[in-house]
């Protein structure tokens, strides 16, 4: 962050192949500083270094319109799936662990300082805490 709001960097991934991000939605950072980006149209979560180099993609098996993303203190990722109305949990390597919830248009997700997970369940006009 620059206090004068000058642009620092852009990760531009309009090309196809590794690192392709069509309509990025959510952004989160892991403890090593890597950038995790959800992309609804390409149905993916992609990881980049802070300089924009492609690292890997998450297991895409359970992604269905990924929107929001948060990463907890243990490195587990929480991804809201707008199209399927679920919250998916991934281990630090991006391997799918589990899905929970029955949401309507979930978008935002965040982990509070006490480790609670909050989901913005847009279609049901509510916030859900786990």
C-alpha atoms as a PDB file:
ATOM      1  CA  UNK A   1       0.000   0.000   0.000  1.00  0.00           C
ATOM      2  CA  UNK A   2       1.273   3.412  -0.968  1.00  0.00           C
ATOM      3  CA  UNK A   3      -0.094   6.217   1.172  1.00  0.00           C
ATOM      4  CA  UNK A   4      -0.504   8.403  -1.920  1.00  0.00           C
ATOM      5  CA  UNK A   5      -2.459   5.622  -3.710  1.00  0.00           C
ATOM      6  CA  UNK A   6      -0.022   5.326  -6.621  1.00  0.00           C
ATOM      7  CA  UNK A   7      -0.415   2.154  -8.653  1.00  0.00           C
ATOM      8  CA  UNK A   8       2.112  -0.463  -7.623  1.00  0.00           C
ATOM      9  CA  UNK A   9       1.467  -3.529  -9.782  1.00  0.00           C
ATOM     10  CA  UNK A  10      -1.060  -5.211 -12.094  1.00  0.00           C
ATOM     11  CA  UNK A  11      -1.365  -8.951 -12.681  1.00  0.00           C
ATOM     12  CA  UNK A  12      -2.881  -9.164 -16.156  1.00  0.00           C
ATOM     13  CA  UNK A  13      -3.924 -12.692 -17.132  1.00  0.00           C
ATOM     14  CA  UNK A  14      -6.053 -12.388 -20.252  1.00  0.00           C
ATOM     15  CA  UNK A  15      -4.223 -15.125 -22.135  1.00  0.00           C
ATOM     16  CA  UNK A  16      -5.351 -18.763 -22.076  1.00  0.00           C
ATOM     17  CA  UNK A  17      -3.430 -21.574 -20.408  1.00  0.00           C
ATOM     18  CA  UNK A  18      -1.774 -21.655 -16.997  1.00  0.00           C
ATOM     19  CA  UNK A  19      -2.695 -18.647 -14.942  1.00  0.00           C
ATOM     20  CA  UNK A  20      -5.680 -17.671 -17.071  1.00  0.00           C
ATOM     21  CA  UNK A  21      -8.163 -15.658 -14.977  1.00  0.00           C
ATOM     22  CA  UNK A  22     -11.445 -14.795 -16.646  1.00  0.00           C
ATOM     23  CA  UNK A  23     -13.459 -12.282 -14.608  1.00  0.00           C
ATOM     24  CA  UNK A  24     -11.542 -12.377 -11.315  1.00  0.00           C
ATOM     25  CA  UNK A  25     -13.821 -12.016  -8.291  1.00  0.00           C
ATOM     26  CA  UNK A  26     -12.013 -12.634  -5.001  1.00  0.00           C
ATOM     27  CA  UNK A  27      -8.481 -12.091  -3.749  1.00  0.00           C
ATOM     28  CA  UNK A  28      -6.714 -13.416  -0.650  1.00  0.00           C
ATOM     29  CA  UNK A  29      -3.118 -13.724   0.477  1.00  0.00           C
ATOM     30  CA  UNK A  30      -1.481 -16.662   2.212  1.00  0.00           C
ATOM     31  CA  UNK A  31       1.211 -16.306   4.875  1.00  0.00           C
ATOM     32  CA  UNK A  32       3.995 -16.535   2.262  1.00  0.00           C
ATOM     33  CA  UNK A  33       2.509 -13.582   0.358  1.00  0.00           C
ATOM     34  CA  UNK A  34       1.182 -15.553  -2.628  1.00  0.00           C
ATOM     35  CA  UNK A  35      -1.998 -14.191  -4.205  1.00  0.00           C
ATOM     36  CA  UNK A  36      -5.023 -16.528  -4.491  1.00  0.00           C
ATOM     37  CA  UNK A  37      -7.597 -15.354  -7.061  1.00  0.00           C
ATOM     38  CA  UNK A  38     -11.080 -16.718  -7.725  1.00  0.00           C
ATOM     39  CA  UNK A  39     -12.343 -16.417 -11.285  1.00  0.00           C
ATOM     40  CA  UNK A  40     -16.023 -17.095 -11.816  1.00  0.00           C
ATOM     41  CA  UNK A  41     -16.016 -17.414 -15.609  1.00  0.00           C
ATOM     42  CA  UNK A  42     -13.002 -19.727 -15.768  1.00  0.00           C
ATOM     43  CA  UNK A  43     -14.334 -21.625 -12.716  1.00  0.00           C
ATOM     44  CA  UNK A  44     -10.949 -21.569 -11.025  1.00  0.00           C
ATOM     45  CA  UNK A  45      -8.800 -20.485  -8.134  1.00  0.00           C
ATOM     46  CA  UNK A  46      -5.312 -19.575  -9.279  1.00  0.00           C
ATOM     47  CA  UNK A  47      -2.248 -18.829  -7.161  1.00  0.00           C
ATOM     48  CA  UNK A  48       0.376 -16.273  -8.218  1.00  0.00           C
ATOM     49  CA  UNK A  49       3.545 -14.964  -6.616  1.00  0.00           C
ATOM     50  CA  UNK A  50       3.378 -11.309  -5.564  1.00  0.00           C
ATOM     51  CA  UNK A  51       5.175 -10.450  -8.834  1.00  0.00           C
ATOM     52  CA  UNK A  52       2.480 -12.215 -10.885  1.00  0.00           C
ATOM     53  CA  UNK A  53       4.154 -15.525 -11.751  1.00  0.00           C
ATOM     54  CA  UNK A  54       1.789 -18.487 -12.021  1.00  0.00           C
ATOM     55  CA  UNK A  55       2.213 -21.001  -9.149  1.00  0.00           C
ATOM     56  CA  UNK A  56      -0.706 -23.439  -9.407  1.00  0.00           C
ATOM     57  CA  UNK A  57      -4.443 -23.906  -9.648  1.00  0.00           C
ATOM     58  CA  UNK A  58      -6.687 -25.410  -6.986  1.00  0.00           C
ATOM     59  CA  UNK A  59      -8.419 -28.741  -7.509  1.00  0.00           C
ATOM     60  CA  UNK A  60     -11.340 -27.587  -9.696  1.00  0.00           C
ATOM     61  CA  UNK A  61     -13.602 -30.586  -9.079  1.00  0.00           C
ATOM     62  CA  UNK A  62     -15.861 -28.796  -6.587  1.00  0.00           C
ATOM     63  CA  UNK A  63     -15.657 -25.235  -7.900  1.00  0.00           C
ATOM     64  CA  UNK A  64     -18.910 -23.896  -9.285  1.00  0.00           C
ATOM     65  CA  UNK A  65     -18.859 -20.155  -9.776  1.00  0.00           C
ATOM     66  CA  UNK A  66     -16.154 -19.313  -7.217  1.00  0.00           C
ATOM     67  CA  UNK A  67     -16.517 -15.782  -5.896  1.00  0.00           C
ATOM     68  CA  UNK A  68     -15.178 -14.988  -2.423  1.00  0.00           C
ATOM     69  CA  UNK A  69     -12.032 -16.398  -0.863  1.00  0.00           C
ATOM     70  CA  UNK A  70     -10.412 -16.222   2.561  1.00  0.00           C
ATOM     71  CA  UNK A  71      -7.411 -18.021   4.018  1.00  0.00           C
ATOM     72  CA  UNK A  72      -7.263 -18.940   7.690  1.00  0.00           C
ATOM     73  CA  UNK A  73      -4.209 -18.861   9.956  1.00  0.00           C
ATOM     74  CA  UNK A  74      -3.435 -22.544   9.199  1.00  0.00           C
ATOM     75  CA  UNK A  75      -3.403 -21.879   5.442  1.00  0.00           C
ATOM     76  CA  UNK A  76      -6.762 -23.482   4.648  1.00  0.00           C
ATOM     77  CA  UNK A  77      -8.744 -21.682   1.958  1.00  0.00           C
ATOM     78  CA  UNK A  78     -12.473 -21.033   2.104  1.00  0.00           C
ATOM     79  CA  UNK A  79     -14.145 -20.399  -1.251  1.00  0.00           C
ATOM     80  CA  UNK A  80     -17.754 -19.364  -1.823  1.00  0.00           C
ATOM     81  CA  UNK A  81     -19.323 -21.041  -4.845  1.00  0.00           C
ATOM     82  CA  UNK A  82     -21.992 -18.707  -6.133  1.00  0.00           C
ATOM     83  CA  UNK A  83     -23.532 -21.113  -8.660  1.00  0.00           C
ATOM     84  CA  UNK A  84     -23.824 -24.109  -6.309  1.00  0.00           C
ATOM     85  CA  UNK A  85     -24.572 -22.123  -3.145  1.00  0.00           C
ATOM     86  CA  UNK A  86     -21.799 -23.702  -1.095  1.00  0.00           C
ATOM     87  CA  UNK A  87     -18.618 -22.947   0.797  1.00  0.00           C
ATOM     88  CA  UNK A  88     -15.679 -25.184  -0.134  1.00  0.00           C
ATOM     89  CA  UNK A  89     -12.668 -25.802   2.064  1.00  0.00           C
ATOM     90  CA  UNK A  90      -9.214 -26.504   0.576  1.00  0.00           C
ATOM     91  CA  UNK A  91      -5.974 -27.520   2.248  1.00  0.00           C
ATOM     92  CA  UNK A  92      -2.892 -25.287   1.869  1.00  0.00           C
ATOM     93  CA  UNK A  93      -1.891 -27.086  -1.363  1.00  0.00           C
ATOM     94  CA  UNK A  94      -5.290 -26.374  -2.978  1.00  0.00           C
ATOM     95  CA  UNK A  95      -6.672 -29.897  -2.536  1.00  0.00           C
ATOM     96  CA  UNK A  96     -10.430 -30.054  -1.896  1.00  0.00           C
ATOM     97  CA  UNK A  97     -11.395 -31.124   1.640  1.00  0.00           C
ATOM     98  CA  UNK A  98     -15.116 -30.505   2.133  1.00  0.00           C
ATOM     99  CA  UNK A  99     -18.137 -28.362   1.196  1.00  0.00           C
ATOM    100  CA  UNK A 100     -20.678 -26.969   3.623  1.00  0.00           C
ATOM    101  CA  UNK A 101     -23.788 -24.847   3.656  1.00  0.00           C
ATOM    102  CA  UNK A 102     -26.877 -24.231   1.697  1.00  0.00           C
ATOM    103  CA  UNK A 103     -26.611 -20.646   0.566  1.00  0.00           C
ATOM    104  CA  UNK A 104     -28.252 -18.525  -2.089  1.00  0.00           C
ATOM    105  CA  UNK A 105     -25.688 -16.484  -4.016  1.00  0.00           C
ATOM    106  CA  UNK A 106     -22.851 -16.538  -1.478  1.00  0.00           C
ATOM    107  CA  UNK A 107     -20.193 -13.973  -2.306  1.00  0.00           C
ATOM    108  CA  UNK A 108     -18.007 -12.687   0.480  1.00  0.00           C
ATOM    109  CA  UNK A 109     -16.204 -14.818   3.032  1.00  0.00           C
ATOM    110  CA  UNK A 110     -13.871 -13.747   5.800  1.00  0.00           C
ATOM    111  CA  UNK A 111     -12.072 -15.215   8.792  1.00  0.00           C
ATOM    112  CA  UNK A 112     -12.333 -13.158  11.982  1.00  0.00           C
ATOM    113  CA  UNK A 113      -9.438 -12.739  14.439  1.00  0.00           C
ATOM    114  CA  UNK A 114     -10.943 -15.467  16.662  1.00  0.00           C
ATOM    115  CA  UNK A 115     -10.976 -17.933  13.713  1.00  0.00           C
ATOM    116  CA  UNK A 116     -14.717 -17.779  13.022  1.00  0.00           C
ATOM    117  CA  UNK A 117     -15.735 -17.947   9.368  1.00  0.00           C
ATOM    118  CA  UNK A 118     -18.299 -15.445   8.103  1.00  0.00           C
ATOM    119  CA  UNK A 119     -20.173 -15.910   4.813  1.00  0.00           C
ATOM    120  CA  UNK A 120     -22.167 -13.175   3.059  1.00  0.00           C
ATOM    121  CA  UNK A 121     -25.243 -15.101   1.914  1.00  0.00           C
ATOM    122  CA  UNK A 122     -26.442 -12.453  -0.531  1.00  0.00           C
ATOM    123  CA  UNK A 123     -29.557 -14.208  -1.860  1.00  0.00           C
ATOM    124  CA  UNK A 124     -30.873 -14.874   1.640  1.00  0.00           C
ATOM    125  CA  UNK A 125     -30.003 -11.358   2.900  1.00  0.00           C
ATOM    126  CA  UNK A 126     -27.964 -12.660   5.820  1.00  0.00           C
ATOM    127  CA  UNK A 127     -24.516 -13.221   7.272  1.00  0.00           C
ATOM    128  CA  UNK A 128     -23.705 -16.744   8.437  1.00  0.00           C
ATOM    129  CA  UNK A 129     -21.065 -17.497  11.082  1.00  0.00           C
ATOM    130  CA  UNK A 130     -19.279 -20.829  11.559  1.00  0.00           C
END
